[in-house]
Amino acid sequence: MKEYKGIIIALIAGICAIVCVSILSGRMVTYKQTSGSGGLTATGSASCDFEADLIVWRGNFSAYGNTMQAAYKRLKKDAGVIRQYLIDSGVTEEEMVFGSISISKRYRYEYNEEGYEIGRYEDGYDLYQEISVTSGDIDKVDGISRDITRLIEADVEFNSESPEYYYTKLDELKLQLIEEATANAKARIDIMAEGTGAQVDKLLTANLGVFQITAQNSNSDYSYGGTFNTSSRQKTASITVKLNYSVE
């Protein structure tokens, strides 16, 4: 009788073990098919060459005077020369903006024979002002920024900065590239599934990479936080999308 009970207990234990293994196996399969660490993962990319449609050119000029009034009078005169030069070059009043004036006091120093400072005296004022030109006519402003001969001949102490190039339809371009990169990632998933005999099931995760804008045909490095090139008129935009699908 004891042997009979022992056999029954052993059979029950075996059946329970089989059931537990089956349940655990089923859960493992389900986990592999549905978790982010399983299934098929692919990264798609998309890029597009485009040309800037907005230019911003900045410059600054300065004037010196023994008094603040004298320096301001000279600066105001130079501002008039610059404004007229820009108007003659085709820039409208709406496209140019003169910034606020900054003032710096100049000093003259006196030293003794040992090289120690023994006196400091006021020696006039330096006034500075910035100007920016924003326009959709890139060729026009581009040419002006590279030729300020007339201002130099007029004895204007003008410093021209490099133009900055922007694209006003960047949001639309981003959406287009996201759509293309997503389609590219899905196509790669389908190819991998076909090659492995798997059946693509549900989308588990989708991750969007950073948006990169670099100079066209350049060796510009991508940045972890994204690159936004403003120094080149001809640009290339790119983005990546990473998809993870479960499989059956």
C-alpha atoms as a PDB file:
ATOM      1  CA  MET A   1       0.000   0.000   0.000  1.00  0.00           C
ATOM      2  CA  LYS A   2       2.860   2.321   0.875  1.00  0.00           C
ATOM      3  CA  GLU A   3       4.531   1.527  -2.449  1.00  0.00           C
ATOM      4  CA  TYR A   4       1.263   2.329  -4.290  1.00  0.00           C
ATOM      5  CA  LYS A   5       1.002   5.698  -2.543  1.00  0.00           C
ATOM      6  CA  GLY A   6       4.647   6.424  -3.388  1.00  0.00           C
ATOM      7  CA  ILE A   7       4.022   5.735  -7.075  1.00  0.00           C
ATOM      8  CA  ILE A   8       0.972   8.031  -7.091  1.00  0.00           C
ATOM      9  CA  ILE A   9       2.925  10.849  -5.392  1.00  0.00           C
ATOM     10  CA  ALA A  10       5.781  10.450  -7.905  1.00  0.00           C
ATOM     11  CA  LEU A  11       3.342  10.593 -10.836  1.00  0.00           C
ATOM     12  CA  ILE A  12       1.681  13.719  -9.470  1.00  0.00           C
ATOM     13  CA  ALA A  13       5.064  15.392  -8.919  1.00  0.00           C
ATOM     14  CA  GLY A  14       6.145  14.525 -12.471  1.00  0.00           C
ATOM     15  CA  ILE A  15       2.960  15.905 -13.997  1.00  0.00           C
ATOM     16  CA  CYS A  16       3.326  19.124 -11.962  1.00  0.00           C
ATOM     17  CA  ALA A  17       6.919  19.482 -13.117  1.00  0.00           C
ATOM     18  CA  ILE A  18       5.897  19.043 -16.769  1.00  0.00           C
ATOM     19  CA  VAL A  19       3.081  21.584 -16.379  1.00  0.00           C
ATOM     20  CA  CYS A  20       5.422  24.102 -14.722  1.00  0.00           C
ATOM     21  CA  VAL A  21       8.038  23.678 -17.441  1.00  0.00           C
ATOM     22  CA  SER A  22       5.382  24.141 -20.118  1.00  0.00           C
ATOM     23  CA  ILE A  23       4.076  27.300 -18.467  1.00  0.00           C
ATOM     24  CA  LEU A  24       7.561  28.743 -18.028  1.00  0.00           C
ATOM     25  CA  SER A  25       8.497  27.851 -21.600  1.00  0.00           C
ATOM     26  CA  GLY A  26       5.360  29.533 -22.881  1.00  0.00           C
ATOM     27  CA  ARG A  27       6.134  32.642 -20.882  1.00  0.00           C
ATOM     28  CA  MET A  28       9.702  32.742 -22.182  1.00  0.00           C
ATOM     29  CA  VAL A  29       8.517  32.470 -25.777  1.00  0.00           C
ATOM     30  CA  THR A  30       5.963  35.206 -25.192  1.00  0.00           C
ATOM     31  CA  TYR A  31       8.616  37.397 -23.577  1.00  0.00           C
ATOM     32  CA  LYS A  32      11.005  36.961 -26.490  1.00  0.00           C
ATOM     33  CA  GLN A  33       8.275  37.782 -28.957  1.00  0.00           C
ATOM     34  CA  THR A  34       6.928  40.853 -27.190  1.00  0.00           C
ATOM     35  CA  SER A  35       9.713  42.387 -25.089  1.00  0.00           C
ATOM     36  CA  GLY A  36      11.937  45.225 -26.309  1.00  0.00           C
ATOM     37  CA  SER A  37      14.980  42.958 -26.056  1.00  0.00           C
ATOM     38  CA  GLY A  38      13.563  40.423 -28.499  1.00  0.00           C
ATOM     39  CA  GLY A  39      12.044  40.469 -31.958  1.00  0.00           C
ATOM     40  CA  LEU A  40      13.678  42.332 -34.810  1.00  0.00           C
ATOM     41  CA  THR A  41      15.316  45.759 -34.565  1.00  0.00           C
ATOM     42  CA  ALA A  42      16.505  47.991 -37.409  1.00  0.00           C
ATOM     43  CA  THR A  43      17.598  51.595 -37.807  1.00  0.00           C
ATOM     44  CA  GLY A  44      16.436  53.476 -40.873  1.00  0.00           C
ATOM     45  CA  SER A  45      17.848  56.719 -42.196  1.00  0.00           C
ATOM     46  CA  ALA A  46      16.909  59.494 -44.577  1.00  0.00           C
ATOM     47  CA  SER A  47      18.751  62.539 -45.892  1.00  0.00           C
ATOM     48  CA  CYS A  48      18.051  65.439 -48.187  1.00  0.00           C
ATOM     49  CA  ASP A  49      20.118  68.159 -49.868  1.00  0.00           C
ATOM     50  CA  PHE A  50      18.618  71.629 -49.827  1.00  0.00           C
ATOM     51  CA  GLU A  51      19.501  75.291 -50.229  1.00  0.00           C
ATOM     52  CA  ALA A  52      19.007  78.023 -47.634  1.00  0.00           C
ATOM     53  CA  ASP A  53      16.296  80.566 -48.405  1.00  0.00           C
ATOM     54  CA  LEU A  54      17.170  83.205 -45.798  1.00  0.00           C
ATOM     55  CA  ILE A  55      20.394  85.082 -45.091  1.00  0.00           C
ATOM     56  CA  VAL A  56      21.409  87.047 -42.000  1.00  0.00           C
ATOM     57  CA  TRP A  57      24.446  89.306 -42.245  1.00  0.00           C
ATOM     58  CA  ARG A  58      25.847  91.164 -39.275  1.00  0.00           C
ATOM     59  CA  GLY A  59      28.459  93.848 -38.956  1.00  0.00           C
ATOM     60  CA  ASN A  60      29.605  96.448 -36.469  1.00  0.00           C
ATOM     61  CA  PHE A  61      31.250  99.850 -36.604  1.00  0.00           C
ATOM     62  CA  SER A  62      32.903 102.153 -34.095  1.00  0.00           C
ATOM     63  CA  ALA A  63      33.881 105.782 -33.613  1.00  0.00           C
ATOM     64  CA  TYR A  64      36.270 107.600 -31.261  1.00  0.00           C
ATOM     65  CA  GLY A  65      36.009 111.071 -29.805  1.00  0.00           C
ATOM     66  CA  ASN A  66      37.665 113.157 -27.113  1.00  0.00           C
ATOM     67  CA  THR A  67      34.214 113.623 -25.623  1.00  0.00           C
ATOM     68  CA  MET A  68      31.161 111.406 -25.678  1.00  0.00           C
ATOM     69  CA  GLN A  69      29.316 113.976 -27.770  1.00  0.00           C
ATOM     70  CA  ALA A  70      32.102 114.035 -30.367  1.00  0.00           C
ATOM     71  CA  ALA A  71      32.204 110.234 -30.537  1.00  0.00           C
ATOM     72  CA  TYR A  72      28.423 110.030 -30.921  1.00  0.00           C
ATOM     73  CA  LYS A  73      28.437 112.659 -33.683  1.00  0.00           C
ATOM     74  CA  ARG A  74      30.991 110.619 -35.633  1.00  0.00           C
ATOM     75  CA  LEU A  75      29.114 107.348 -35.025  1.00  0.00           C
ATOM     76  CA  LYS A  76      25.838 108.888 -36.192  1.00  0.00           C
ATOM     77  CA  LYS A  77      27.531 110.142 -39.357  1.00  0.00           C
ATOM     78  CA  ASP A  78      28.970 106.692 -40.077  1.00  0.00           C
ATOM     79  CA  ALA A  79      25.567 105.078 -39.482  1.00  0.00           C
ATOM     80  CA  GLY A  80      24.102 107.387 -42.130  1.00  0.00           C
ATOM     81  CA  VAL A  81      26.836 106.401 -44.589  1.00  0.00           C
ATOM     82  CA  ILE A  82      26.197 102.706 -43.940  1.00  0.00           C
ATOM     83  CA  ARG A  83      22.409 103.067 -44.273  1.00  0.00           C
ATOM     84  CA  GLN A  84      22.758 104.883 -47.588  1.00  0.00           C
ATOM     85  CA  TYR A  85      25.258 102.307 -48.852  1.00  0.00           C
ATOM     86  CA  LEU A  86      22.843  99.494 -48.079  1.00  0.00           C
ATOM     87  CA  ILE A  87      19.892 101.288 -49.680  1.00  0.00           C
ATOM     88  CA  ASP A  88      21.950 101.958 -52.818  1.00  0.00           C
ATOM     89  CA  SER A  89      22.802  98.239 -52.840  1.00  0.00           C
ATOM     90  CA  GLY A  90      19.125  97.257 -52.837  1.00  0.00           C
ATOM     91  CA  VAL A  91      18.533  96.624 -49.120  1.00  0.00           C
ATOM     92  CA  THR A  92      15.210  97.941 -47.819  1.00  0.00           C
ATOM     93  CA  GLU A  93      14.664  99.713 -44.507  1.00  0.00           C
ATOM     94  CA  GLU A  94      12.672  96.691 -43.304  1.00  0.00           C
ATOM     95  CA  GLU A  95      15.612  94.380 -43.944  1.00  0.00           C
ATOM     96  CA  MET A  96      18.144  96.343 -41.861  1.00  0.00           C
ATOM     97  CA  VAL A  97      18.233  96.795 -38.100  1.00  0.00           C
ATOM     98  CA  PHE A  98      20.649  99.047 -36.195  1.00  0.00           C
ATOM     99  CA  GLY A  99      21.344  97.839 -32.682  1.00  0.00           C
ATOM    100  CA  SER A 100      21.855  99.799 -29.495  1.00  0.00           C
ATOM    101  CA  ILE A 101      25.035 101.795 -28.923  1.00  0.00           C
ATOM    102  CA  SER A 102      27.634 100.617 -26.424  1.00  0.00           C
ATOM    103  CA  ILE A 103      30.142 102.988 -24.830  1.00  0.00           C
ATOM    104  CA  SER A 104      33.660 102.330 -23.660  1.00  0.00           C
ATOM    105  CA  LYS A 105      35.846 104.895 -21.896  1.00  0.00           C
ATOM    106  CA  ARG A 106      39.448 105.042 -23.112  1.00  0.00           C
ATOM    107  CA  TYR A 107      42.351 105.621 -20.718  1.00  0.00           C
ATOM    108  CA  ARG A 108      45.965 106.700 -21.075  1.00  0.00           C
ATOM    109  CA  TYR A 109      48.478 105.214 -18.648  1.00  0.00           C
ATOM    110  CA  GLU A 110      51.721 106.684 -17.330  1.00  0.00           C
ATOM    111  CA  TYR A 111      54.599 104.563 -16.024  1.00  0.00           C
ATOM    112  CA  ASN A 112      57.828 105.320 -14.148  1.00  0.00           C
ATOM    113  CA  GLU A 113      61.307 104.159 -15.102  1.00  0.00           C
ATOM    114  CA  GLU A 114      60.815 100.888 -13.230  1.00  0.00           C
ATOM    115  CA  GLY A 115      57.700 100.104 -15.289  1.00  0.00           C
ATOM    116  CA  TYR A 116      55.169 100.688 -12.523  1.00  0.00           C
ATOM    117  CA  GLU A 117      51.957 102.507 -13.266  1.00  0.00           C
ATOM    118  CA  ILE A 118      51.929 105.951 -11.666  1.00  0.00           C
ATOM    119  CA  GLY A 119      48.950 107.513 -13.331  1.00  0.00           C
ATOM    120  CA  ARG A 120      45.794 106.863 -15.317  1.00  0.00           C
ATOM    121  CA  TYR A 121      43.995 109.569 -17.279  1.00  0.00           C
ATOM    122  CA  GLU A 122      40.773 109.656 -19.281  1.00  0.00           C
ATOM    123  CA  ASP A 123      41.526 109.793 -22.975  1.00  0.00           C
ATOM    124  CA  GLY A 124      38.196 109.926 -24.790  1.00  0.00           C
ATOM    125  CA  TYR A 125      35.384 107.541 -25.652  1.00  0.00           C
ATOM    126  CA  ASP A 126      34.850 104.635 -28.038  1.00  0.00           C
ATOM    127  CA  LEU A 127      31.298 104.023 -29.246  1.00  0.00           C
ATOM    128  CA  TYR A 128      30.176 100.799 -30.932  1.00  0.00           C
ATOM    129  CA  GLN A 129      27.041  99.851 -32.848  1.00  0.00           C
ATOM    130  CA  GLU A 130      25.898  96.681 -34.579  1.00  0.00           C
ATOM    131  CA  ILE A 131      23.793  96.305 -37.687  1.00  0.00           C
ATOM    132  CA  SER A 132      22.071  93.216 -39.095  1.00  0.00           C
ATOM    133  CA  VAL A 133      20.510  92.589 -42.478  1.00  0.00           C
ATOM    134  CA  THR A 134      17.943  89.805 -42.880  1.00  0.00           C
ATOM    135  CA  SER A 135      16.668  89.014 -46.350  1.00  0.00           C
ATOM    136  CA  GLY A 136      15.327  86.314 -48.604  1.00  0.00           C
ATOM    137  CA  ASP A 137      17.476  87.685 -51.447  1.00  0.00           C
ATOM    138  CA  ILE A 138      20.587  85.687 -50.647  1.00  0.00           C
ATOM    139  CA  ASP A 139      22.595  86.687 -53.722  1.00  0.00           C
ATOM    140  CA  LYS A 140      22.107  90.384 -52.989  1.00  0.00           C
ATOM    141  CA  VAL A 141      23.182  90.293 -49.354  1.00  0.00           C
ATOM    142  CA  ASP A 142      25.906  87.757 -50.059  1.00  0.00           C
ATOM    143  CA  GLY A 143      27.495  90.184 -52.513  1.00  0.00           C
ATOM    144  CA  ILE A 144      27.229  93.121 -50.108  1.00  0.00           C
ATOM    145  CA  SER A 145      28.898  91.196 -47.293  1.00  0.00           C
ATOM    146  CA  ARG A 146      31.900  90.470 -49.501  1.00  0.00           C
ATOM    147  CA  ASP A 147      32.378  93.990 -50.842  1.00  0.00           C
ATOM    148  CA  ILE A 148      32.461  96.882 -48.373  1.00  0.00           C
ATOM    149  CA  THR A 149      34.990  98.926 -50.363  1.00  0.00           C
ATOM    150  CA  ARG A 150      32.771 101.993 -50.380  1.00  0.00           C
ATOM    151  CA  LEU A 151      32.544 102.000 -46.591  1.00  0.00           C
ATOM    152  CA  ILE A 152      36.311 101.698 -46.247  1.00  0.00           C
ATOM    153  CA  GLU A 153      36.804 104.559 -48.695  1.00  0.00           C
ATOM    154  CA  ALA A 154      34.394 106.650 -46.621  1.00  0.00           C
ATOM    155  CA  ASP A 155      36.672 106.113 -43.590  1.00  0.00           C
ATOM    156  CA  VAL A 156      34.088 104.018 -41.755  1.00  0.00           C
ATOM    157  CA  GLU A 157      35.631 101.555 -39.306  1.00  0.00           C
ATOM    158  CA  PHE A 158      33.335  98.699 -40.279  1.00  0.00           C
ATOM    159  CA  ASN A 159      33.808  95.048 -39.384  1.00  0.00           C
ATOM    160  CA  SER A 160      31.897  92.558 -41.545  1.00  0.00           C
ATOM    161  CA  GLU A 161      31.003  89.138 -40.133  1.00  0.00           C
ATOM    162  CA  SER A 162      30.405  85.986 -42.166  1.00  0.00           C
ATOM    163  CA  PRO A 163      26.780  85.588 -43.326  1.00  0.00           C
ATOM    164  CA  GLU A 164      24.509  83.009 -41.720  1.00  0.00           C
ATOM    165  CA  TYR A 165      22.210  80.892 -43.886  1.00  0.00           C
ATOM    166  CA  TYR A 166      18.853  79.527 -42.715  1.00  0.00           C
ATOM    167  CA  TYR A 167      15.891  77.570 -44.104  1.00  0.00           C
ATOM    168  CA  THR A 168      12.395  78.794 -43.266  1.00  0.00           C
ATOM    169  CA  LYS A 169      10.632  75.484 -44.068  1.00  0.00           C
ATOM    170  CA  LEU A 170      12.662  73.346 -41.688  1.00  0.00           C
ATOM    171  CA  ASP A 171       9.657  71.893 -39.852  1.00  0.00           C
ATOM    172  CA  GLU A 172       8.161  70.536 -43.081  1.00  0.00           C
ATOM    173  CA  LEU A 173      11.537  69.080 -44.056  1.00  0.00           C
ATOM    174  CA  LYS A 174      11.862  67.326 -40.685  1.00  0.00           C
ATOM    175  CA  LEU A 175       8.466  65.647 -41.040  1.00  0.00           C
ATOM    176  CA  GLN A 176       9.330  64.487 -44.548  1.00  0.00           C
ATOM    177  CA  LEU A 177      12.616  62.941 -43.403  1.00  0.00           C
ATOM    178  CA  ILE A 178      11.007  61.254 -40.379  1.00  0.00           C
ATOM    179  CA  GLU A 179       8.464  59.610 -42.681  1.00  0.00           C
ATOM    180  CA  GLU A 180      11.179  58.435 -45.071  1.00  0.00           C
ATOM    181  CA  ALA A 181      13.461  57.154 -42.287  1.00  0.00           C
ATOM    182  CA  THR A 182      10.557  55.240 -40.695  1.00  0.00           C
ATOM    183  CA  ALA A 183       9.711  53.595 -44.014  1.00  0.00           C
ATOM    184  CA  ASN A 184      13.371  52.713 -44.482  1.00  0.00           C
ATOM    185  CA  ALA A 185      13.569  51.065 -41.039  1.00  0.00           C
ATOM    186  CA  LYS A 186      10.369  49.061 -41.674  1.00  0.00           C
ATOM    187  CA  ALA A 187      11.704  47.864 -45.020  1.00  0.00           C
ATOM    188  CA  ARG A 188      14.818  46.557 -43.289  1.00  0.00           C
ATOM    189  CA  ILE A 189      12.685  44.774 -40.688  1.00  0.00           C
ATOM    190  CA  ASP A 190      10.688  43.074 -43.469  1.00  0.00           C
ATOM    191  CA  ILE A 191      13.864  41.949 -45.254  1.00  0.00           C
ATOM    192  CA  MET A 192      15.295  40.445 -42.052  1.00  0.00           C
ATOM    193  CA  ALA A 193      12.004  38.691 -41.302  1.00  0.00           C
ATOM    194  CA  GLU A 194      11.859  37.212 -44.779  1.00  0.00           C
ATOM    195  CA  GLY A 195      15.461  36.028 -44.500  1.00  0.00           C
ATOM    196  CA  THR A 196      14.869  34.324 -41.146  1.00  0.00           C
ATOM    197  CA  GLY A 197      11.418  32.926 -41.889  1.00  0.00           C
ATOM    198  CA  ALA A 198       9.805  34.980 -39.131  1.00  0.00           C
ATOM    199  CA  GLN A 199       6.473  36.786 -39.266  1.00  0.00           C
ATOM    200  CA  VAL A 200       6.490  40.448 -38.272  1.00  0.00           C
ATOM    201  CA  ASP A 201       3.894  41.120 -35.582  1.00  0.00           C
ATOM    202  CA  LYS A 202       3.507  44.254 -33.454  1.00  0.00           C
ATOM    203  CA  LEU A 203       5.598  47.401 -33.195  1.00  0.00           C
ATOM    204  CA  LEU A 204       7.150  47.439 -29.723  1.00  0.00           C
ATOM    205  CA  THR A 205       9.246  50.613 -29.696  1.00  0.00           C
ATOM    206  CA  ALA A 206      10.133  53.476 -32.030  1.00  0.00           C
ATOM    207  CA  ASN A 207      12.995  55.852 -31.281  1.00  0.00           C
ATOM    208  CA  LEU A 208      13.744  59.051 -33.173  1.00  0.00           C
ATOM    209  CA  GLY A 209      17.371  60.067 -33.639  1.00  0.00           C
ATOM    210  CA  VAL A 210      18.669  63.636 -33.521  1.00  0.00           C
ATOM    211  CA  PHE A 211      18.240  65.936 -36.499  1.00  0.00           C
ATOM    212  CA  GLN A 212      21.510  66.818 -38.226  1.00  0.00           C
ATOM    213  CA  ILE A 213      22.169  69.698 -40.637  1.00  0.00           C
ATOM    214  CA  THR A 214      25.648  69.791 -42.142  1.00  0.00           C
ATOM    215  CA  ALA A 215      27.350  71.533 -45.023  1.00  0.00           C
ATOM    216  CA  GLN A 216      26.733  69.764 -48.314  1.00  0.00           C
ATOM    217  CA  ASN A 217      29.568  67.501 -49.518  1.00  0.00           C
ATOM    218  CA  SER A 218      31.581  68.046 -46.350  1.00  0.00           C
ATOM    219  CA  ASN A 219      33.227  65.878 -43.720  1.00  0.00           C
ATOM    220  CA  SER A 220      31.293  67.538 -40.908  1.00  0.00           C
ATOM    221  CA  ASP A 221      30.961  65.306 -37.850  1.00  0.00           C
ATOM    222  CA  TYR A 222      27.563  64.541 -36.387  1.00  0.00           C
ATOM    223  CA  SER A 223      26.928  65.711 -32.856  1.00  0.00           C
ATOM    224  CA  TYR A 224      25.267  63.730 -30.062  1.00  0.00           C
ATOM    225  CA  GLY A 225      22.870  66.621 -29.521  1.00  0.00           C
ATOM    226  CA  GLY A 226      22.443  67.385 -33.225  1.00  0.00           C
ATOM    227  CA  THR A 227      24.317  69.635 -35.634  1.00  0.00           C
ATOM    228  CA  PHE A 228      22.856  72.832 -37.036  1.00  0.00           C
ATOM    229  CA  ASN A 229      25.060  74.349 -39.732  1.00  0.00           C
ATOM    230  CA  THR A 230      24.475  78.050 -40.509  1.00  0.00           C
ATOM    231  CA  SER A 231      27.715  78.850 -42.323  1.00  0.00           C
ATOM    232  CA  SER A 232      26.906  77.066 -45.608  1.00  0.00           C
ATOM    233  CA  ARG A 233      24.296  77.985 -48.170  1.00  0.00           C
ATOM    234  CA  GLN A 234      24.077  74.433 -49.523  1.00  0.00           C
ATOM    235  CA  LYS A 235      23.156  72.005 -46.758  1.00  0.00           C
ATOM    236  CA  THR A 236      22.323  68.357 -46.085  1.00  0.00           C
ATOM    237  CA  ALA A 237      19.714  67.307 -43.511  1.00  0.00           C
ATOM    238  CA  SER A 238      19.559  63.784 -42.101  1.00  0.00           C
ATOM    239  CA  ILE A 239      17.787  61.818 -39.380  1.00  0.00           C
ATOM    240  CA  THR A 240      17.490  58.226 -38.135  1.00  0.00           C
ATOM    241  CA  VAL A 241      14.579  56.183 -36.790  1.00  0.00           C
ATOM    242  CA  LYS A 242      14.994  52.931 -34.822  1.00  0.00           C
ATOM    243  CA  LEU A 243      12.121  50.412 -34.823  1.00  0.00           C
ATOM    244  CA  ASN A 244      11.663  47.227 -32.791  1.00  0.00           C
ATOM    245  CA  TYR A 245       8.991  44.668 -33.842  1.00  0.00           C
ATOM    246  CA  SER A 246       7.906  41.448 -32.194  1.00  0.00           C
ATOM    247  CA  VAL A 247       7.874  38.350 -34.391  1.00  0.00           C
ATOM    248  CA  GLU A 248       5.887  35.114 -34.577  1.00  0.00           C
END
